[in-house]
Amino acid sequence: MSVYDTFLERGYVAQCTDEVELSKLFNDETVLGYIGFDPTATSLHVGSLIPILSLVHLQRAGHRPIVLVGGGTGMVGDPSGKTEMRKILSLEELAANAEAIKNQLSPFLEFGPDKAMMVNNADWLAPLNYIEMLRDVGRHFSVNRMLAAESVKLRLETGLSFIEFNYMILQAYDFMHLCKHYGCRLQMGGNDQWGNIVAGVDLTRRMVNQTVYGLTFPLITTSTGQKMGKTHAGTVWLDAERTSPYDFYQYWVNTTDADVDRFLKLFTFLPLDEVEELSRLEGSAINQAKQVLAYEVTKFVHGEAEAKTAQAAAQAAFGGGAQADGVPSSPMDKARLAEGVPAFMLFNEVGLTKSSSEARRLITQGGAYVGETRIDAFDQPITLDMAGDDGAIWLRAGKKKHHRVVPE
């Protein structure tokens, strides 16, 4: 079974430029395939997991992944899926973000000779001469076809800057460059990248007379239509400093029942027969499948030790246990707690709510707890004598969010 069959079985394929020939290519030779990651932040997020996992599947099947960090394209900004222009980052910010993303991606793949490789497109895009670029590359692009691309059409009503309009050309140039210099035959990406990928397939054929292929993944949303990786608390990052392993684990435990089967296929390496067994669970038993999902994804991103710690912390928190090292915690001055801190202020301060007004609403609606005791008034003082057996004050917002305040 080729890796293309694996992609199909697990739900990775939205579109493919030539699935028959690509599947045959996977069976006949070692394929170099790439995905680009633009350094718009110091960390990737949950929305990047499908591209990362696809590269891992590619390597496990004996092919060679190329990770492209977009130090060059990041200077322009990808308009795909955006309703407005990205913030233009400085060269220093881009360089720092690119380095952070390189470090973050390194543990997922085995890099080395004849293995995975990592490149930065700033190395070949930054030195390009504008006039030569227009003459040698720009002449291969039809403005009519560029305007027909979905990523462009969606922005024409709200406004598309000229610099963003050029993004397709640069991404197409990346594909051509990687084919010409490394023998890359495949580009993968989210379905919003289809127009850019097809442009690269066409440019590579025109400039280096090579047939290359494109494959896109479905843009993952939850069964409720929510964008993947977005919560009321904000983006779910892969960086443990920005989203703790415990909160990351909790994000997956909170998967809706309708998404469990699909997410187990997409986000884990569990055999499909095992996925099928877990997906057949019903009622409260489906929570077992969610815990397996959370553990497997957390293990992939943060390692087995952190996954076990997050799992134990969740079990302790929801089982009323006194110890839970993985639960987010904050130190607080004993003298301040001895005087008492108004509940709404404390919940907002430790990040259980986004604002004081949200904390007031949470408490008024009966969703705030200290330990297992509901807080009755938004200004109820939280004091030292509310600490549990472990010496910490356990705060809970709703059923899922926990935080430990540790007196010091």
Protein backbone atom coordinates (compact mmCIF):
# COMPACT_ATOMS: atom_id res chain seq x y z
CA MET A 1 0.00 0.00 0.00
CA SER A 2 1.45 3.36 -1.03
CA VAL A 3 1.51 6.41 1.19
CA TYR A 4 -1.15 7.85 -1.11
CA ASP A 5 -3.47 5.03 -0.03
CA THR A 6 -2.68 5.89 3.59
CA PHE A 7 -3.58 9.51 2.92
CA LEU A 8 -6.89 8.43 1.37
CA GLU A 9 -7.79 6.05 4.20
CA ARG A 10 -7.09 8.61 6.89
CA GLY A 11 -8.90 11.48 5.20
CA TYR A 12 -5.91 13.59 4.16
CA VAL A 13 -6.82 14.12 0.49
CA ALA A 14 -8.97 17.05 -0.65
CA GLN A 15 -7.58 17.50 -4.18
CA CYS A 16 -4.75 16.04 -6.25
CA THR A 17 -3.43 17.13 -9.63
CA ASP A 18 -3.13 13.53 -10.89
CA GLU A 19 -3.87 10.87 -8.28
CA VAL A 20 -3.26 7.92 -10.63
CA GLU A 21 0.22 9.06 -11.64
CA LEU A 22 1.14 10.26 -8.15
CA SER A 23 0.11 6.92 -6.61
CA LYS A 24 2.19 5.14 -9.26
CA LEU A 25 5.15 7.43 -8.54
CA PHE A 26 4.99 6.55 -4.83
CA ASN A 27 5.19 2.87 -5.74
CA ASP A 28 7.98 3.26 -8.30
CA GLU A 29 10.52 5.55 -6.61
CA THR A 30 11.55 7.55 -3.58
CA VAL A 31 9.56 10.78 -3.76
CA LEU A 32 10.77 14.11 -2.43
CA GLY A 33 7.77 16.10 -1.23
CA TYR A 34 7.63 19.47 0.48
CA ILE A 35 5.38 21.68 2.55
CA GLY A 36 6.03 25.33 3.32
CA PHE A 37 5.59 26.96 6.74
CA ASP A 38 5.66 30.76 6.78
CA PRO A 39 7.22 32.19 9.97
CA THR A 40 4.37 34.49 10.98
CA ALA A 41 4.84 33.68 14.69
CA THR A 42 7.40 32.06 16.98
CA SER A 43 5.33 28.87 17.08
CA LEU A 44 3.13 26.75 14.86
CA HIS A 45 -0.34 25.83 16.11
CA VAL A 46 -2.79 22.93 15.95
CA GLY A 47 -3.76 23.96 12.41
CA SER A 48 -0.24 22.96 11.31
CA LEU A 49 -0.52 19.40 12.60
CA ILE A 50 -1.99 17.87 9.43
CA PRO A 51 0.90 19.19 7.27
CA ILE A 52 3.43 18.00 9.87
CA LEU A 53 1.82 14.56 10.19
CA SER A 54 1.68 14.17 6.41
CA LEU A 55 5.45 14.68 6.22
CA VAL A 56 5.90 12.07 8.96
CA HIS A 57 3.70 9.61 7.03
CA LEU A 58 5.79 10.37 3.94
CA GLN A 59 9.05 9.58 5.74
CA ARG A 60 7.69 6.46 7.42
CA ALA A 61 6.75 5.15 3.99
CA GLY A 62 10.35 5.53 2.81
CA HIS A 63 10.11 8.88 1.01
CA ARG A 64 11.97 12.15 1.68
CA PRO A 65 10.21 15.13 3.25
CA ILE A 66 11.40 18.67 2.61
CA VAL A 67 10.43 21.23 5.23
CA LEU A 68 10.46 24.71 3.71
CA VAL A 69 10.58 27.60 6.15
CA GLY A 70 9.27 30.65 4.33
CA GLY A 71 11.75 33.31 5.32
CA GLY A 72 11.27 34.82 1.85
CA THR A 73 7.53 34.38 1.29
CA GLY A 74 6.96 35.54 4.87
CA MET A 75 8.16 38.98 3.76
CA VAL A 76 5.17 39.15 1.41
CA GLY A 77 2.36 37.44 3.34
CA ASP A 78 0.02 34.75 2.04
CA PRO A 79 -3.49 36.11 1.28
CA SER A 80 -4.99 32.59 1.23
CA GLY A 81 -7.89 32.27 3.63
CA LYS A 82 -7.34 35.79 5.01
CA THR A 83 -9.92 38.57 5.00
CA GLU A 84 -7.30 41.29 5.35
CA MET A 85 -3.61 41.86 4.75
CA ARG A 86 -1.19 40.25 7.19
CA LYS A 87 0.90 42.50 9.39
CA ILE A 88 4.24 43.12 7.68
CA LEU A 89 6.97 41.77 9.94
CA SER A 90 10.48 43.17 10.15
CA LEU A 91 13.42 41.15 8.81
CA GLU A 92 14.59 40.61 12.38
CA GLU A 93 11.16 39.28 13.46
CA LEU A 94 11.00 36.97 10.44
CA ALA A 95 14.50 35.62 11.08
CA ALA A 96 13.71 34.96 14.75
CA ASN A 97 10.39 33.29 13.89
CA ALA A 98 12.00 31.17 11.17
CA GLU A 99 14.67 29.92 13.58
CA ALA A 100 12.03 29.11 16.22
CA ILE A 101 9.93 27.16 13.71
CA LYS A 102 12.99 25.26 12.47
CA ASN A 103 13.71 24.19 16.04
CA GLN A 104 10.08 23.27 16.61
CA LEU A 105 9.84 21.09 13.50
CA SER A 106 13.15 19.30 14.06
CA PRO A 107 11.89 16.65 16.56
CA PHE A 108 9.09 15.44 14.29
CA LEU A 109 11.28 14.15 11.45
CA GLU A 110 14.62 12.43 11.05
CA PHE A 111 16.93 14.88 9.29
CA GLY A 112 20.19 13.99 7.57
CA PRO A 113 21.71 12.75 4.29
CA ASP A 114 19.08 10.86 2.28
CA LYS A 115 16.54 11.66 4.99
CA ALA A 116 14.42 14.73 5.69
CA MET A 117 15.86 18.12 4.80
CA MET A 118 15.01 21.68 5.83
CA VAL A 119 15.43 24.73 3.61
CA ASN A 120 14.64 28.43 3.86
CA ASN A 121 13.29 30.06 0.71
CA ALA A 122 14.89 33.38 1.67
CA ASP A 123 18.13 31.79 0.41
CA TRP A 124 16.92 31.92 -3.20
CA LEU A 125 14.08 34.47 -3.16
CA ALA A 126 15.88 37.33 -1.42
CA PRO A 127 18.70 37.63 -4.03
CA LEU A 128 16.29 37.71 -7.00
CA ASN A 129 16.53 40.72 -9.31
CA TYR A 130 13.07 42.22 -9.84
CA ILE A 131 13.44 42.94 -13.56
CA GLU A 132 14.87 39.48 -14.26
CA MET A 133 12.08 37.94 -12.18
CA LEU A 134 9.43 39.73 -14.24
CA ARG A 135 11.06 38.71 -17.51
CA ASP A 136 12.01 35.11 -16.72
CA VAL A 137 9.22 34.06 -14.39
CA GLY A 138 6.39 36.59 -14.57
CA ARG A 139 5.85 36.02 -18.29
CA HIS A 140 4.63 32.49 -17.55
CA PHE A 141 1.69 33.74 -15.47
CA SER A 142 -1.73 34.72 -16.79
CA VAL A 143 -3.33 37.50 -14.77
CA ASN A 144 -6.76 36.12 -15.71
CA ARG A 145 -5.87 32.74 -14.17
CA MET A 146 -4.41 34.37 -11.09
CA LEU A 147 -7.60 36.38 -10.59
CA ALA A 148 -9.63 33.18 -10.87
CA ALA A 149 -7.78 31.57 -7.95
CA GLU A 150 -10.05 31.22 -4.92
CA SER A 151 -7.50 32.79 -2.57
CA VAL A 152 -7.45 35.91 -4.78
CA LYS A 153 -11.18 36.07 -5.54
CA LEU A 154 -12.08 36.04 -1.85
CA ARG A 155 -9.96 39.13 -1.27
CA LEU A 156 -10.96 41.22 -4.27
CA GLU A 157 -14.04 42.56 -2.50
CA THR A 158 -12.17 43.64 0.64
CA GLY A 159 -8.98 44.66 -1.15
CA LEU A 160 -5.84 42.81 -2.23
CA SER A 161 -2.49 44.57 -2.15
CA PHE A 162 -0.06 44.22 -5.06
CA ILE A 163 2.55 42.63 -2.79
CA GLU A 164 0.08 39.89 -1.78
CA PHE A 165 -0.91 39.36 -5.41
CA ASN A 166 2.70 38.35 -6.05
CA TYR A 167 2.62 35.61 -3.40
CA MET A 168 1.42 32.99 -5.88
CA ILE A 169 4.38 33.70 -8.14
CA LEU A 170 6.87 33.29 -5.31
CA GLN A 171 5.34 30.03 -4.07
CA ALA A 172 5.29 28.67 -7.62
CA TYR A 173 8.95 29.67 -7.95
CA ASP A 174 9.73 27.70 -4.77
CA PHE A 175 8.33 24.52 -6.31
CA MET A 176 10.27 25.04 -9.53
CA HIS A 177 13.49 25.75 -7.60
CA LEU A 178 13.11 22.66 -5.41
CA CYS A 179 12.42 20.49 -8.43
CA LYS A 180 15.36 21.89 -10.38
CA HIS A 181 17.93 21.75 -7.57
CA TYR A 182 16.74 18.85 -5.39
CA GLY A 183 14.49 16.71 -7.60
CA CYS A 184 11.34 17.52 -5.58
CA ARG A 185 8.25 16.11 -7.32
CA LEU A 186 5.44 16.89 -4.86
CA GLN A 187 4.05 19.87 -3.00
CA MET A 188 1.43 19.42 -0.30
CA GLY A 189 -0.59 21.95 1.66
CA GLY A 190 -4.02 22.99 2.89
CA ASN A 191 -6.85 23.20 0.38
CA ASP A 192 -6.65 27.00 0.44
CA GLN A 193 -3.24 26.56 -1.24
CA TRP A 194 -4.65 24.77 -4.31
CA GLY A 195 -4.26 27.76 -6.65
CA ASN A 196 -0.67 28.39 -5.53
CA ILE A 197 0.26 24.72 -5.84
CA VAL A 198 -1.25 24.35 -9.33
CA ALA A 199 0.64 27.49 -10.39
CA GLY A 200 3.87 25.81 -9.22
CA VAL A 201 3.06 22.63 -11.15
CA ASP A 202 2.53 24.70 -14.30
CA LEU A 203 5.62 26.90 -13.81
CA THR A 204 7.84 23.85 -13.23
CA ARG A 205 6.60 22.28 -16.44
CA ARG A 206 7.24 25.49 -18.38
CA MET A 207 10.65 26.38 -16.94
CA VAL A 208 12.37 23.02 -16.35
CA ASN A 209 10.18 20.68 -18.41
CA GLN A 210 9.38 18.44 -15.42
CA THR A 211 6.09 16.89 -14.38
CA VAL A 212 5.40 17.49 -10.71
CA TYR A 213 2.34 16.93 -8.56
CA GLY A 214 0.21 18.75 -6.02
CA LEU A 215 -1.91 17.40 -3.19
CA THR A 216 -4.05 19.38 -0.76
CA PHE A 217 -5.55 18.47 2.60
CA PRO A 218 -9.08 19.38 3.68
CA LEU A 219 -9.25 22.45 5.88
CA ILE A 220 -10.15 20.93 9.22
CA THR A 221 -13.06 22.32 11.18
CA THR A 222 -14.93 20.73 14.05
CA SER A 223 -18.40 19.27 13.59
CA THR A 224 -19.76 22.55 14.98
CA GLY A 225 -18.03 24.49 12.20
CA GLN A 226 -15.36 25.99 14.46
CA LYS A 227 -11.91 26.52 12.99
CA MET A 228 -9.43 23.89 14.20
CA GLY A 229 -7.18 25.05 17.01
CA LYS A 230 -9.34 27.97 18.14
CA THR A 231 -10.89 28.08 21.61
CA HIS A 232 -12.48 30.74 23.77
CA ALA A 233 -9.01 31.15 25.32
CA GLY A 234 -7.36 31.73 21.93
CA THR A 235 -5.04 29.74 19.66
CA VAL A 236 -3.81 26.30 20.69
CA TRP A 237 -0.05 26.48 20.08
CA LEU A 238 2.48 23.66 19.72
CA ASP A 239 4.95 25.57 21.90
CA ALA A 240 4.67 24.39 25.50
CA GLU A 241 5.46 27.92 26.71
CA ARG A 242 2.41 29.31 24.90
CA THR A 243 -0.01 26.40 25.46
CA SER A 244 0.94 24.10 28.31
CA PRO A 245 0.93 20.34 27.66
CA TYR A 246 -1.95 20.07 30.16
CA ASP A 247 -4.07 22.63 28.28
CA PHE A 248 -3.07 20.99 25.00
CA TYR A 249 -4.23 17.62 26.34
CA GLN A 250 -7.48 19.15 27.55
CA TYR A 251 -8.14 20.65 24.12
CA TRP A 252 -8.23 17.13 22.63
CA VAL A 253 -10.19 15.61 25.53
CA ASN A 254 -12.88 18.20 24.81
CA THR A 255 -13.36 16.92 21.24
CA THR A 256 -17.04 16.54 20.41
CA ASP A 257 -18.36 12.98 20.02
CA ALA A 258 -19.00 13.50 16.30
CA ASP A 259 -15.32 14.34 15.64
CA VAL A 260 -13.64 11.46 17.49
CA ASP A 261 -13.44 8.96 14.61
CA ARG A 262 -12.17 11.55 12.10
CA PHE A 263 -9.62 13.04 14.50
CA LEU A 264 -8.24 9.64 15.54
CA LYS A 265 -7.58 8.90 11.86
CA LEU A 266 -6.11 12.31 11.08
CA PHE A 267 -4.09 13.11 14.19
CA THR A 268 -2.78 9.75 15.43
CA PHE A 269 -0.84 6.81 14.01
CA LEU A 270 -3.13 4.25 15.61
CA PRO A 271 -4.00 1.31 13.31
CA LEU A 272 -7.35 1.86 11.63
CA ASP A 273 -8.89 -1.27 13.15
CA GLU A 274 -8.10 0.14 16.60
CA VAL A 275 -9.59 3.49 15.57
CA GLU A 276 -12.72 1.67 14.45
CA GLU A 277 -13.05 -0.06 17.83
CA LEU A 278 -12.65 3.19 19.73
CA SER A 279 -15.12 4.96 17.44
CA ARG A 280 -17.80 2.37 18.18
CA LEU A 281 -17.91 3.38 21.85
CA GLU A 282 -21.11 5.15 22.84
CA GLY A 283 -22.46 7.23 25.68
CA SER A 284 -20.01 8.01 28.45
CA ALA A 285 -17.66 5.31 27.13
CA ILE A 286 -16.73 7.59 24.22
CA ASN A 287 -14.66 9.54 26.76
CA GLN A 288 -12.16 6.66 26.71
CA ALA A 289 -11.62 7.30 22.99
CA LYS A 290 -11.17 11.02 23.66
CA GLN A 291 -8.53 10.25 26.30
CA VAL A 292 -6.68 8.02 23.83
CA LEU A 293 -6.85 10.81 21.24
CA ALA A 294 -5.57 13.40 23.71
CA TYR A 295 -2.75 11.17 24.92
CA GLU A 296 -1.58 10.20 21.42
CA VAL A 297 -1.54 13.75 20.05
CA THR A 298 0.11 15.16 23.18
CA LYS A 299 2.74 12.39 23.01
CA PHE A 300 3.47 13.25 19.37
CA VAL A 301 3.84 16.98 20.02
CA HIS A 302 5.33 17.11 23.54
CA GLY A 303 6.77 13.64 24.11
CA GLU A 304 5.66 10.63 26.13
CA ALA A 305 6.71 12.00 29.53
CA GLU A 306 4.66 15.19 29.14
CA ALA A 307 1.70 13.20 27.79
CA LYS A 308 1.74 10.94 30.86
CA THR A 309 2.02 13.94 33.18
CA ALA A 310 -0.89 15.72 31.45
CA GLN A 311 -2.97 12.55 31.55
CA ALA A 312 -2.27 12.01 35.26
CA ALA A 313 -2.99 15.67 36.00
CA ALA A 314 -6.33 15.49 34.19
CA GLN A 315 -7.32 12.32 36.00
CA ALA A 316 -6.37 13.87 39.34
CA ALA A 317 -8.21 17.10 38.57
CA PHE A 318 -11.42 15.48 37.41
CA GLY A 319 -11.22 12.72 39.98
CA GLY A 320 -10.74 15.14 42.85
CA GLY A 321 -7.13 14.11 43.50
CA ALA A 322 -4.87 16.28 45.58
CA GLN A 323 -1.77 16.13 43.38
CA ALA A 324 -1.67 17.21 39.74
CA ASP A 325 1.72 18.53 38.69
CA GLY A 326 0.62 19.14 35.10
CA VAL A 327 -2.31 21.42 35.98
CA PRO A 328 -1.48 25.10 35.24
CA SER A 329 -0.49 26.86 38.44
CA SER A 330 0.47 30.32 39.64
CA PRO A 331 2.42 31.36 42.74
CA MET A 332 0.78 34.00 44.93
CA ASP A 333 1.87 35.92 47.98
CA LYS A 334 0.57 34.33 51.22
CA ALA A 335 -0.02 37.72 52.82
CA ARG A 336 -2.26 38.76 49.94
CA LEU A 337 -4.25 35.54 50.17
CA ALA A 338 -4.51 35.89 53.94
CA GLU A 339 -6.36 39.17 53.37
CA GLY A 340 -8.51 37.56 50.66
CA VAL A 341 -8.62 38.22 46.91
CA PRO A 342 -12.02 38.89 45.26
CA ALA A 343 -12.97 35.83 43.21
CA PHE A 344 -13.55 37.70 39.94
CA MET A 345 -10.13 39.36 40.18
CA LEU A 346 -8.35 36.07 40.91
CA PHE A 347 -10.05 34.13 38.10
CA ASN A 348 -9.10 36.83 35.61
CA GLU A 349 -5.57 37.20 36.99
CA VAL A 350 -4.69 33.51 36.57
CA GLY A 351 -6.13 33.39 33.05
CA LEU A 352 -9.30 31.36 33.64
CA THR A 353 -11.21 34.21 32.00
CA LYS A 354 -10.24 36.83 29.46
CA SER A 355 -11.50 39.79 31.47
CA SER A 356 -12.89 40.78 34.83
CA SER A 357 -16.35 41.22 33.34
CA GLU A 358 -16.21 37.68 31.93
CA ALA A 359 -15.18 36.44 35.39
CA ARG A 360 -18.16 38.24 36.94
CA ARG A 361 -20.53 36.60 34.45
CA LEU A 362 -18.99 33.16 35.04
CA ILE A 363 -19.45 33.45 38.80
CA THR A 364 -22.95 34.96 38.58
CA GLN A 365 -24.01 32.10 36.31
CA GLY A 366 -22.74 29.51 38.79
CA GLY A 367 -19.76 28.27 36.77
CA ALA A 368 -16.91 29.07 39.18
CA TYR A 369 -15.60 26.81 41.92
CA VAL A 370 -12.95 26.58 44.59
CA GLY A 371 -12.28 22.87 44.89
CA GLU A 372 -15.76 21.36 44.68
CA THR A 373 -17.47 24.38 46.26
CA ARG A 374 -19.35 26.77 44.01
CA ILE A 375 -18.57 30.45 44.43
CA ASP A 376 -21.78 32.33 45.19
CA ALA A 377 -20.72 35.96 44.81
CA PHE A 378 -18.40 37.53 42.25
CA ASP A 379 -16.54 39.44 44.99
CA GLN A 380 -16.33 36.52 47.42
CA PRO A 381 -12.85 36.56 48.98
CA ILE A 382 -10.57 33.66 48.09
CA THR A 383 -8.41 33.01 51.14
CA LEU A 384 -5.65 30.76 52.44
CA ASP A 385 -8.06 28.55 54.39
CA MET A 386 -9.54 27.38 51.06
CA ALA A 387 -6.34 25.48 50.17
CA GLY A 388 -6.60 21.73 49.60
CA ASP A 389 -4.53 18.88 51.01
CA ASP A 390 -1.63 19.79 48.70
CA GLY A 391 -1.52 23.33 50.08
CA ALA A 392 -2.81 24.85 46.82
CA ILE A 393 -6.11 26.59 46.11
CA TRP A 394 -7.85 24.77 43.25
CA LEU A 395 -9.92 27.02 40.98
CA ARG A 396 -12.26 25.68 38.33
CA ALA A 397 -14.11 27.47 35.52
CA GLY A 398 -16.94 25.35 34.18
CA LYS A 399 -16.34 21.62 33.92
CA LYS A 400 -13.02 21.62 32.09
CA LYS A 401 -10.67 24.45 33.09
CA HIS A 402 -8.56 24.09 36.25
CA HIS A 403 -5.90 26.27 37.82
CA ARG A 404 -3.90 25.89 41.04
CA VAL A 405 -2.94 28.95 43.09
CA VAL A 406 0.14 28.10 45.16
CA PRO A 407 0.68 30.30 48.25
CA GLU A 408 4.32 31.33 48.71
